[in-house]
Amino acid sequence: MNTFILISSLLIISFNSYASDTANGKVLHTTNCLAYHTSNIYVSAARKVHGLATLTARAKHCDLSLGTQWLDNDIADVVAYLNKDFYKFR
């Protein structure tokens, strides 16, 4: 459990160190993720994100799954966009 907290904290710190561009995040999300996530197959209450660490981990997982090969700042931009417009985590 302590390892999970440490890794989550490091992810949050590393992604918060970027000056996130929510406009770029919106473009990346719209062009790469939206068709996948609007399918009823992938919408589930059990998959609800509960914090920035989980949102970041999901964005990284999606990047790998889709083969988009985003840079760390691209992932941070998508996370910032999703958090600003949908999740509103502090």
C-alpha atoms as a PDB file:
ATOM      1  CA  MET A   1       0.000   0.000   0.000  1.00  0.00           C
ATOM      2  CA  ASN A   2       2.817   2.413   0.836  1.00  0.00           C
ATOM      3  CA  THR A   3       4.412   1.734  -2.545  1.00  0.00           C
ATOM      4  CA  PHE A   4       1.132   2.631  -4.285  1.00  0.00           C
ATOM      5  CA  ILE A   5       0.905   5.911  -2.364  1.00  0.00           C
ATOM      6  CA  LEU A   6       4.519   6.755  -3.179  1.00  0.00           C
ATOM      7  CA  ILE A   7       4.087   6.034  -6.892  1.00  0.00           C
ATOM      8  CA  SER A   8       0.799   7.949  -7.020  1.00  0.00           C
ATOM      9  CA  SER A   9       2.391  10.934  -5.307  1.00  0.00           C
ATOM     10  CA  LEU A  10       5.330  10.916  -7.695  1.00  0.00           C
ATOM     11  CA  LEU A  11       2.987  10.796 -10.681  1.00  0.00           C
ATOM     12  CA  ILE A  12       1.000  13.746  -9.387  1.00  0.00           C
ATOM     13  CA  ILE A  13       4.134  15.746  -8.647  1.00  0.00           C
ATOM     14  CA  SER A  14       5.687  14.980 -12.034  1.00  0.00           C
ATOM     15  CA  PHE A  15       2.548  15.889 -13.983  1.00  0.00           C
ATOM     16  CA  ASN A  16       1.805  18.977 -11.919  1.00  0.00           C
ATOM     17  CA  SER A  17       5.296  20.292 -12.685  1.00  0.00           C
ATOM     18  CA  TYR A  18       4.263  20.924 -16.286  1.00  0.00           C
ATOM     19  CA  ALA A  19       2.399  24.058 -17.241  1.00  0.00           C
ATOM     20  CA  SER A  20      -0.587  22.173 -18.594  1.00  0.00           C
ATOM     21  CA  ASP A  21      -2.319  23.369 -21.733  1.00  0.00           C
ATOM     22  CA  THR A  22      -6.005  22.465 -21.439  1.00  0.00           C
ATOM     23  CA  ALA A  23      -6.687  23.576 -25.019  1.00  0.00           C
ATOM     24  CA  ASN A  24      -4.106  21.058 -26.276  1.00  0.00           C
ATOM     25  CA  GLY A  25      -5.570  18.462 -23.917  1.00  0.00           C
ATOM     26  CA  LYS A  26      -9.016  19.006 -25.413  1.00  0.00           C
ATOM     27  CA  VAL A  27      -7.674  18.561 -28.957  1.00  0.00           C
ATOM     28  CA  LEU A  28      -5.784  15.392 -27.996  1.00  0.00           C
ATOM     29  CA  HIS A  29      -8.830  13.995 -26.195  1.00  0.00           C
ATOM     30  CA  THR A  30     -11.226  14.857 -29.016  1.00  0.00           C
ATOM     31  CA  THR A  31      -9.054  13.455 -31.800  1.00  0.00           C
ATOM     32  CA  ASN A  32      -7.807  10.328 -30.013  1.00  0.00           C
ATOM     33  CA  CYS A  33     -10.082   9.317 -27.147  1.00  0.00           C
ATOM     34  CA  LEU A  34     -13.629  10.470 -27.734  1.00  0.00           C
ATOM     35  CA  ALA A  35     -14.806   7.753 -30.138  1.00  0.00           C
ATOM     36  CA  TYR A  36     -13.459   5.064 -27.803  1.00  0.00           C
ATOM     37  CA  HIS A  37     -15.053   6.530 -24.680  1.00  0.00           C
ATOM     38  CA  THR A  38     -18.460   7.328 -26.188  1.00  0.00           C
ATOM     39  CA  SER A  39     -19.044   3.649 -26.937  1.00  0.00           C
ATOM     40  CA  ASN A  40     -21.482   2.070 -24.470  1.00  0.00           C
ATOM     41  CA  ILE A  41     -19.075  -0.854 -24.083  1.00  0.00           C
ATOM     42  CA  TYR A  42     -16.589   1.253 -22.136  1.00  0.00           C
ATOM     43  CA  VAL A  43     -18.989   3.258 -19.967  1.00  0.00           C
ATOM     44  CA  SER A  44     -19.292   1.767 -16.506  1.00  0.00           C
ATOM     45  CA  ALA A  45     -19.901   3.195 -13.028  1.00  0.00           C
ATOM     46  CA  ALA A  46     -17.372   0.673 -11.699  1.00  0.00           C
ATOM     47  CA  ARG A  47     -14.638   2.442 -13.666  1.00  0.00           C
ATOM     48  CA  LYS A  48     -15.234   5.869 -12.116  1.00  0.00           C
ATOM     49  CA  VAL A  49     -12.058   7.838 -11.423  1.00  0.00           C
ATOM     50  CA  HIS A  50     -11.683   9.040  -7.838  1.00  0.00           C
ATOM     51  CA  GLY A  51      -8.583  11.275  -7.929  1.00  0.00           C
ATOM     52  CA  LEU A  52      -5.839  12.863 -10.014  1.00  0.00           C
ATOM     53  CA  ALA A  53      -3.489   9.920  -9.550  1.00  0.00           C
ATOM     54  CA  THR A  54      -6.098   7.526 -10.946  1.00  0.00           C
ATOM     55  CA  LEU A  55      -6.954   9.918 -13.785  1.00  0.00           C
ATOM     56  CA  THR A  56      -3.285  10.200 -14.695  1.00  0.00           C
ATOM     57  CA  ALA A  57      -2.816   6.436 -14.565  1.00  0.00           C
ATOM     58  CA  ARG A  58      -5.871   5.947 -16.801  1.00  0.00           C
ATOM     59  CA  ALA A  59      -4.596   8.525 -19.299  1.00  0.00           C
ATOM     60  CA  LYS A  60      -1.235   6.729 -19.441  1.00  0.00           C
ATOM     61  CA  HIS A  61      -2.997   3.385 -19.888  1.00  0.00           C
ATOM     62  CA  CYS A  62      -5.120   4.797 -22.721  1.00  0.00           C
ATOM     63  CA  ASP A  63      -2.001   6.239 -24.363  1.00  0.00           C
ATOM     64  CA  LEU A  64      -0.406   2.797 -24.343  1.00  0.00           C
ATOM     65  CA  SER A  65      -3.611   1.054 -25.477  1.00  0.00           C
ATOM     66  CA  LEU A  66      -4.177   3.431 -28.377  1.00  0.00           C
ATOM     67  CA  GLY A  67      -0.494   3.632 -29.323  1.00  0.00           C
ATOM     68  CA  THR A  68      -0.598   7.426 -29.438  1.00  0.00           C
ATOM     69  CA  GLN A  69       2.936   7.725 -27.985  1.00  0.00           C
ATOM     70  CA  TRP A  70       2.131  10.982 -26.226  1.00  0.00           C
ATOM     71  CA  LEU A  71       4.866  12.845 -24.420  1.00  0.00           C
ATOM     72  CA  ASP A  72       4.523  13.396 -20.671  1.00  0.00           C
ATOM     73  CA  ASN A  73       3.340  16.964 -21.258  1.00  0.00           C
ATOM     74  CA  ASP A  74       0.614  15.703 -23.636  1.00  0.00           C
ATOM     75  CA  ILE A  75      -0.668  13.333 -20.964  1.00  0.00           C
ATOM     76  CA  ALA A  76      -0.539  16.170 -18.421  1.00  0.00           C
ATOM     77  CA  ASP A  77      -2.538  18.361 -20.845  1.00  0.00           C
ATOM     78  CA  VAL A  78      -5.237  15.705 -21.282  1.00  0.00           C
ATOM     79  CA  VAL A  79      -5.424  15.158 -17.516  1.00  0.00           C
ATOM     80  CA  ALA A  80      -5.648  18.931 -16.932  1.00  0.00           C
ATOM     81  CA  TYR A  81      -8.413  19.261 -19.556  1.00  0.00           C
ATOM     82  CA  LEU A  82     -10.427  16.342 -18.186  1.00  0.00           C
ATOM     83  CA  ASN A  83     -10.005  17.555 -14.628  1.00  0.00           C
ATOM     84  CA  LYS A  84     -10.949  21.148 -15.475  1.00  0.00           C
ATOM     85  CA  ASP A  85     -14.027  20.310 -17.537  1.00  0.00           C
ATOM     86  CA  PHE A  86     -15.281  17.070 -15.971  1.00  0.00           C
ATOM     87  CA  TYR A  87     -13.722  15.784 -12.758  1.00  0.00           C
ATOM     88  CA  LYS A  88     -12.803  18.984 -10.878  1.00  0.00           C
ATOM     89  CA  PHE A  89     -10.362  17.348  -8.446  1.00  0.00           C
ATOM     90  CA  ARG A  90      -8.292  19.737  -6.309  1.00  0.00           C
END
